[in-house]
């Protein structure tokens, strides 16, 4: 157990500096927690002590990255992604934007459900009230033309509760697979000073 906690601490120390070349070349950079044994066995849930430690590290890294990107001098949108059912997939994402204050919110589908922020995400050091949260769906998406769907495929999707909408003149079928809470801090808040 201590070995895993020390690996989380090493991961934290290794990622205090964002990857500015990735940010420049791909218009974004991101950070996931990637260490064994959880990814190797496709386990979505972590022991509570590890989950809390990772969440605390993401919160601290959010503040480190904010300072680094402010010093870098290009407009950015820094986001903390918390997956409600698959916390091993949590990420810190920084997208390049045109103007300071712009938000990039096209990663997921907006969720209109009225849901409470998960209590299990609160830890000794992680206070969700430091962030402004928006709720989105992670979704499995299939497109009629891109995925070469037959009428049988389409009927199967619809019978499995996929939703349907028109995007760029083709039908898209999608089904929520998880809830993603996206948090941002106000750049002028005391939490960043």
C-alpha atoms as a PDB file:
ATOM      1  CA  UNK A   1       0.000   0.000   0.000  1.00  0.00           C
ATOM      2  CA  UNK A   2       2.784   2.466   0.898  1.00  0.00           C
ATOM      3  CA  UNK A   3       4.535   1.619  -2.361  1.00  0.00           C
ATOM      4  CA  UNK A   4       1.465   2.699  -4.340  1.00  0.00           C
ATOM      5  CA  UNK A   5       1.156   5.927  -2.343  1.00  0.00           C
ATOM      6  CA  UNK A   6       4.816   6.698  -2.987  1.00  0.00           C
ATOM      7  CA  UNK A   7       4.247   6.113  -6.715  1.00  0.00           C
ATOM      8  CA  UNK A   8       1.353   8.579  -6.622  1.00  0.00           C
ATOM      9  CA  UNK A   9       3.671  11.106  -4.960  1.00  0.00           C
ATOM     10  CA  UNK A  10       6.354  10.484  -7.617  1.00  0.00           C
ATOM     11  CA  UNK A  11       3.724  10.921 -10.363  1.00  0.00           C
ATOM     12  CA  UNK A  12       2.736  14.229  -8.768  1.00  0.00           C
ATOM     13  CA  UNK A  13       6.333  15.490  -8.603  1.00  0.00           C
ATOM     14  CA  UNK A  14       6.981  14.436 -12.222  1.00  0.00           C
ATOM     15  CA  UNK A  15       4.013  16.412 -13.566  1.00  0.00           C
ATOM     16  CA  UNK A  16       4.204  19.806 -11.888  1.00  0.00           C
ATOM     17  CA  UNK A  17       5.380  21.221 -15.199  1.00  0.00           C
ATOM     18  CA  UNK A  18       2.814  21.014 -18.049  1.00  0.00           C
ATOM     19  CA  UNK A  19       3.864  19.783 -21.496  1.00  0.00           C
ATOM     20  CA  UNK A  20       3.978  23.106 -23.354  1.00  0.00           C
ATOM     21  CA  UNK A  21       5.110  21.507 -26.631  1.00  0.00           C
ATOM     22  CA  UNK A  22       1.993  19.332 -26.652  1.00  0.00           C
ATOM     23  CA  UNK A  23      -0.103  22.404 -25.797  1.00  0.00           C
ATOM     24  CA  UNK A  24       1.479  24.322 -28.690  1.00  0.00           C
ATOM     25  CA  UNK A  25       1.326  21.512 -31.271  1.00  0.00           C
ATOM     26  CA  UNK A  26      -2.033  19.923 -30.444  1.00  0.00           C
ATOM     27  CA  UNK A  27      -3.918  22.889 -28.943  1.00  0.00           C
ATOM     28  CA  UNK A  28      -4.178  21.055 -25.607  1.00  0.00           C
ATOM     29  CA  UNK A  29      -2.276  19.054 -23.041  1.00  0.00           C
ATOM     30  CA  UNK A  30      -3.557  16.635 -20.439  1.00  0.00           C
ATOM     31  CA  UNK A  31      -2.524  14.531 -17.487  1.00  0.00           C
ATOM     32  CA  UNK A  32      -3.950  11.198 -16.383  1.00  0.00           C
ATOM     33  CA  UNK A  33      -2.941   9.027 -13.482  1.00  0.00           C
ATOM     34  CA  UNK A  34      -1.291   6.051 -15.143  1.00  0.00           C
ATOM     35  CA  UNK A  35       0.249   3.485 -12.883  1.00  0.00           C
ATOM     36  CA  UNK A  36      -0.130  -0.167 -12.064  1.00  0.00           C
ATOM     37  CA  UNK A  37      -1.825  -2.221 -10.787  1.00  0.00           C
ATOM     38  CA  UNK A  38      -5.133  -0.545 -11.655  1.00  0.00           C
ATOM     39  CA  UNK A  39      -4.713   0.077 -15.363  1.00  0.00           C
ATOM     40  CA  UNK A  40      -3.250  -3.377 -15.968  1.00  0.00           C
ATOM     41  CA  UNK A  41      -6.366  -5.112 -14.698  1.00  0.00           C
ATOM     42  CA  UNK A  42      -8.861  -2.560 -16.030  1.00  0.00           C
ATOM     43  CA  UNK A  43     -10.067  -1.705 -12.549  1.00  0.00           C
ATOM     44  CA  UNK A  44     -12.219   1.411 -12.355  1.00  0.00           C
ATOM     45  CA  UNK A  45     -12.308   1.912  -8.602  1.00  0.00           C
ATOM     46  CA  UNK A  46      -9.360   2.596  -6.338  1.00  0.00           C
ATOM     47  CA  UNK A  47      -8.916   2.065  -2.621  1.00  0.00           C
ATOM     48  CA  UNK A  48     -10.267   5.172  -0.861  1.00  0.00           C
ATOM     49  CA  UNK A  49      -6.859   6.227   0.474  1.00  0.00           C
ATOM     50  CA  UNK A  50      -5.394   6.150  -3.054  1.00  0.00           C
ATOM     51  CA  UNK A  51      -8.391   7.886  -4.600  1.00  0.00           C
ATOM     52  CA  UNK A  52      -8.197  10.696  -2.018  1.00  0.00           C
ATOM     53  CA  UNK A  53      -4.456  11.104  -2.539  1.00  0.00           C
ATOM     54  CA  UNK A  54      -4.860  11.292  -6.327  1.00  0.00           C
ATOM     55  CA  UNK A  55      -7.667  13.839  -6.007  1.00  0.00           C
ATOM     56  CA  UNK A  56      -5.535  15.962  -3.673  1.00  0.00           C
ATOM     57  CA  UNK A  57      -2.657  15.772  -6.173  1.00  0.00           C
ATOM     58  CA  UNK A  58      -4.904  16.787  -9.083  1.00  0.00           C
ATOM     59  CA  UNK A  59      -6.104  19.778  -7.070  1.00  0.00           C
ATOM     60  CA  UNK A  60      -2.523  20.832  -6.280  1.00  0.00           C
ATOM     61  CA  UNK A  61      -1.458  20.249  -9.888  1.00  0.00           C
ATOM     62  CA  UNK A  62      -4.373  22.419 -11.034  1.00  0.00           C
ATOM     63  CA  UNK A  63      -2.877  25.297  -9.044  1.00  0.00           C
ATOM     64  CA  UNK A  64       0.687  24.591 -10.269  1.00  0.00           C
ATOM     65  CA  UNK A  65      -0.482  24.408 -13.874  1.00  0.00           C
ATOM     66  CA  UNK A  66      -2.525  27.602 -13.559  1.00  0.00           C
ATOM     67  CA  UNK A  67       0.580  29.517 -12.494  1.00  0.00           C
ATOM     68  CA  UNK A  68       2.695  27.942 -15.263  1.00  0.00           C
ATOM     69  CA  UNK A  69       0.142  28.726 -17.971  1.00  0.00           C
ATOM     70  CA  UNK A  70      -0.299  32.289 -16.724  1.00  0.00           C
ATOM     71  CA  UNK A  71       3.485  32.696 -16.976  1.00  0.00           C
ATOM     72  CA  UNK A  72       3.450  31.090 -20.442  1.00  0.00           C
ATOM     73  CA  UNK A  73       1.218  33.921 -21.590  1.00  0.00           C
ATOM     74  CA  UNK A  74      -1.240  32.263 -23.984  1.00  0.00           C
ATOM     75  CA  UNK A  75      -4.996  32.050 -23.309  1.00  0.00           C
ATOM     76  CA  UNK A  76      -5.989  28.696 -21.832  1.00  0.00           C
ATOM     77  CA  UNK A  77      -8.910  26.800 -20.329  1.00  0.00           C
ATOM     78  CA  UNK A  78      -7.768  24.521 -17.495  1.00  0.00           C
ATOM     79  CA  UNK A  79     -10.249  21.804 -16.539  1.00  0.00           C
ATOM     80  CA  UNK A  80     -10.373  19.042 -13.946  1.00  0.00           C
ATOM     81  CA  UNK A  81     -12.365  16.065 -15.224  1.00  0.00           C
ATOM     82  CA  UNK A  82     -13.858  13.735 -12.607  1.00  0.00           C
ATOM     83  CA  UNK A  83     -15.536  10.603 -13.940  1.00  0.00           C
ATOM     84  CA  UNK A  84     -18.333   9.621 -11.596  1.00  0.00           C
ATOM     85  CA  UNK A  85     -18.244   5.853 -12.236  1.00  0.00           C
ATOM     86  CA  UNK A  86     -14.673   5.402 -13.487  1.00  0.00           C
ATOM     87  CA  UNK A  87     -12.445   7.580 -11.293  1.00  0.00           C
ATOM     88  CA  UNK A  88      -9.283   5.913 -12.591  1.00  0.00           C
ATOM     89  CA  UNK A  89      -9.931   7.959 -15.765  1.00  0.00           C
ATOM     90  CA  UNK A  90      -9.865  11.372 -14.038  1.00  0.00           C
ATOM     91  CA  UNK A  91      -7.778  13.938 -15.899  1.00  0.00           C
ATOM     92  CA  UNK A  92      -6.380  17.424 -15.797  1.00  0.00           C
ATOM     93  CA  UNK A  93      -6.848  19.008 -19.241  1.00  0.00           C
ATOM     94  CA  UNK A  94      -5.655  22.359 -20.534  1.00  0.00           C
ATOM     95  CA  UNK A  95      -7.018  23.555 -23.867  1.00  0.00           C
ATOM     96  CA  UNK A  96      -5.731  26.466 -25.894  1.00  0.00           C
ATOM     97  CA  UNK A  97      -8.456  29.078 -26.466  1.00  0.00           C
ATOM     98  CA  UNK A  98      -8.637  32.207 -28.574  1.00  0.00           C
ATOM     99  CA  UNK A  99      -9.229  34.744 -25.793  1.00  0.00           C
ATOM    100  CA  UNK A 100      -8.707  34.768 -22.056  1.00  0.00           C
ATOM    101  CA  UNK A 101     -11.935  33.653 -20.386  1.00  0.00           C
ATOM    102  CA  UNK A 102     -13.093  31.506 -23.336  1.00  0.00           C
ATOM    103  CA  UNK A 103     -14.148  27.975 -22.440  1.00  0.00           C
ATOM    104  CA  UNK A 104     -13.721  24.820 -24.447  1.00  0.00           C
ATOM    105  CA  UNK A 105     -16.682  22.588 -23.720  1.00  0.00           C
ATOM    106  CA  UNK A 106     -16.938  20.330 -26.752  1.00  0.00           C
ATOM    107  CA  UNK A 107     -15.229  17.273 -25.264  1.00  0.00           C
ATOM    108  CA  UNK A 108     -18.459  15.745 -23.965  1.00  0.00           C
ATOM    109  CA  UNK A 109     -22.214  16.095 -24.252  1.00  0.00           C
ATOM    110  CA  UNK A 110     -23.811  18.482 -21.784  1.00  0.00           C
ATOM    111  CA  UNK A 111     -25.965  16.738 -19.200  1.00  0.00           C
ATOM    112  CA  UNK A 112     -29.220  18.430 -18.248  1.00  0.00           C
ATOM    113  CA  UNK A 113     -29.979  16.062 -15.368  1.00  0.00           C
ATOM    114  CA  UNK A 114     -30.207  17.462 -11.868  1.00  0.00           C
ATOM    115  CA  UNK A 115     -27.520  15.545  -9.955  1.00  0.00           C
ATOM    116  CA  UNK A 116     -25.641  16.270  -6.762  1.00  0.00           C
ATOM    117  CA  UNK A 117     -21.865  16.366  -6.735  1.00  0.00           C
ATOM    118  CA  UNK A 118     -20.672  12.924  -5.544  1.00  0.00           C
ATOM    119  CA  UNK A 119     -19.890  12.935  -1.817  1.00  0.00           C
ATOM    120  CA  UNK A 120     -17.143  10.342  -2.324  1.00  0.00           C
ATOM    121  CA  UNK A 121     -15.124  12.936  -4.261  1.00  0.00           C
ATOM    122  CA  UNK A 122     -14.681  15.076  -1.147  1.00  0.00           C
ATOM    123  CA  UNK A 123     -11.468  14.392   0.777  1.00  0.00           C
ATOM    124  CA  UNK A 124      -9.518  16.003   3.607  1.00  0.00           C
ATOM    125  CA  UNK A 125      -7.857  18.468   1.250  1.00  0.00           C
ATOM    126  CA  UNK A 126     -10.117  18.449  -1.809  1.00  0.00           C
ATOM    127  CA  UNK A 127     -12.917  20.965  -1.418  1.00  0.00           C
ATOM    128  CA  UNK A 128     -15.190  20.893  -4.478  1.00  0.00           C
ATOM    129  CA  UNK A 129     -16.520  24.364  -3.652  1.00  0.00           C
ATOM    130  CA  UNK A 130     -13.171  25.750  -4.919  1.00  0.00           C
ATOM    131  CA  UNK A 131     -14.339  24.849  -8.434  1.00  0.00           C
ATOM    132  CA  UNK A 132     -17.225  25.812 -10.681  1.00  0.00           C
ATOM    133  CA  UNK A 133     -18.691  22.494 -11.869  1.00  0.00           C
ATOM    134  CA  UNK A 134     -20.565  21.533 -15.015  1.00  0.00           C
ATOM    135  CA  UNK A 135     -21.971  18.075 -15.616  1.00  0.00           C
ATOM    136  CA  UNK A 136     -21.510  16.243 -18.912  1.00  0.00           C
ATOM    137  CA  UNK A 137     -22.108  12.790 -20.338  1.00  0.00           C
ATOM    138  CA  UNK A 138     -19.350  10.589 -21.599  1.00  0.00           C
ATOM    139  CA  UNK A 139     -21.067   8.742 -24.430  1.00  0.00           C
ATOM    140  CA  UNK A 140     -20.652   5.882 -26.835  1.00  0.00           C
ATOM    141  CA  UNK A 141     -21.315   7.453 -30.238  1.00  0.00           C
ATOM    142  CA  UNK A 142     -21.881   5.841 -33.623  1.00  0.00           C
ATOM    143  CA  UNK A 143     -22.489   7.668 -36.870  1.00  0.00           C
ATOM    144  CA  UNK A 144     -24.645   6.285 -39.643  1.00  0.00           C
ATOM    145  CA  UNK A 145     -22.232   7.032 -42.497  1.00  0.00           C
ATOM    146  CA  UNK A 146     -18.844   7.041 -40.762  1.00  0.00           C
ATOM    147  CA  UNK A 147     -19.519   3.722 -39.045  1.00  0.00           C
ATOM    148  CA  UNK A 148     -21.368   2.318 -42.085  1.00  0.00           C
ATOM    149  CA  UNK A 149     -24.439   1.343 -40.043  1.00  0.00           C
ATOM    150  CA  UNK A 150     -27.068  -0.902 -41.602  1.00  0.00           C
ATOM    151  CA  UNK A 151     -30.770  -0.586 -40.766  1.00  0.00           C
ATOM    152  CA  UNK A 152     -30.358  -3.665 -38.560  1.00  0.00           C
ATOM    153  CA  UNK A 153     -27.471  -1.958 -36.723  1.00  0.00           C
ATOM    154  CA  UNK A 154     -29.585   1.158 -36.257  1.00  0.00           C
ATOM    155  CA  UNK A 155     -32.565  -0.817 -34.957  1.00  0.00           C
ATOM    156  CA  UNK A 156     -30.258  -2.628 -32.503  1.00  0.00           C
ATOM    157  CA  UNK A 157     -28.877   0.671 -31.246  1.00  0.00           C
ATOM    158  CA  UNK A 158     -32.338   2.155 -30.788  1.00  0.00           C
ATOM    159  CA  UNK A 159     -33.576  -0.967 -28.992  1.00  0.00           C
ATOM    160  CA  UNK A 160     -30.579  -0.607 -26.627  1.00  0.00           C
ATOM    161  CA  UNK A 161     -31.638   2.907 -25.575  1.00  0.00           C
ATOM    162  CA  UNK A 162     -29.337   4.867 -27.859  1.00  0.00           C
ATOM    163  CA  UNK A 163     -30.490   8.399 -28.533  1.00  0.00           C
ATOM    164  CA  UNK A 164     -30.609   9.774 -32.054  1.00  0.00           C
ATOM    165  CA  UNK A 165     -29.777  13.198 -33.457  1.00  0.00           C
ATOM    166  CA  UNK A 166     -28.658  14.784 -36.700  1.00  0.00           C
ATOM    167  CA  UNK A 167     -25.053  16.030 -36.815  1.00  0.00           C
ATOM    168  CA  UNK A 168     -23.460  17.351 -40.008  1.00  0.00           C
ATOM    169  CA  UNK A 169     -26.244  15.878 -42.136  1.00  0.00           C
ATOM    170  CA  UNK A 170     -25.949  12.363 -40.789  1.00  0.00           C
ATOM    171  CA  UNK A 171     -27.624  10.511 -37.982  1.00  0.00           C
ATOM    172  CA  UNK A 172     -25.655  10.072 -34.785  1.00  0.00           C
ATOM    173  CA  UNK A 173     -26.647   7.459 -32.220  1.00  0.00           C
ATOM    174  CA  UNK A 174     -25.350   7.889 -28.705  1.00  0.00           C
ATOM    175  CA  UNK A 175     -25.759   6.459 -25.244  1.00  0.00           C
ATOM    176  CA  UNK A 176     -24.379   7.834 -21.976  1.00  0.00           C
ATOM    177  CA  UNK A 177     -21.669   5.637 -20.451  1.00  0.00           C
ATOM    178  CA  UNK A 178     -20.665   7.828 -17.504  1.00  0.00           C
ATOM    179  CA  UNK A 179     -21.102  11.243 -15.929  1.00  0.00           C
ATOM    180  CA  UNK A 180     -18.138  13.608 -16.116  1.00  0.00           C
ATOM    181  CA  UNK A 181     -17.878  16.536 -13.734  1.00  0.00           C
ATOM    182  CA  UNK A 182     -15.751  19.299 -15.257  1.00  0.00           C
ATOM    183  CA  UNK A 183     -14.398  21.804 -12.776  1.00  0.00           C
ATOM    184  CA  UNK A 184     -12.697  25.121 -13.292  1.00  0.00           C
ATOM    185  CA  UNK A 185     -11.383  27.629 -10.794  1.00  0.00           C
ATOM    186  CA  UNK A 186     -11.893  31.332 -11.177  1.00  0.00           C
ATOM    187  CA  UNK A 187      -8.485  32.726 -12.146  1.00  0.00           C
ATOM    188  CA  UNK A 188      -9.013  35.587  -9.695  1.00  0.00           C
ATOM    189  CA  UNK A 189     -10.036  33.455  -6.696  1.00  0.00           C
ATOM    190  CA  UNK A 190      -8.084  33.377  -3.463  1.00  0.00           C
ATOM    191  CA  UNK A 191      -7.504  29.648  -4.011  1.00  0.00           C
ATOM    192  CA  UNK A 192      -4.905  30.514  -6.638  1.00  0.00           C
ATOM    193  CA  UNK A 193      -3.055  33.224  -4.736  1.00  0.00           C
END
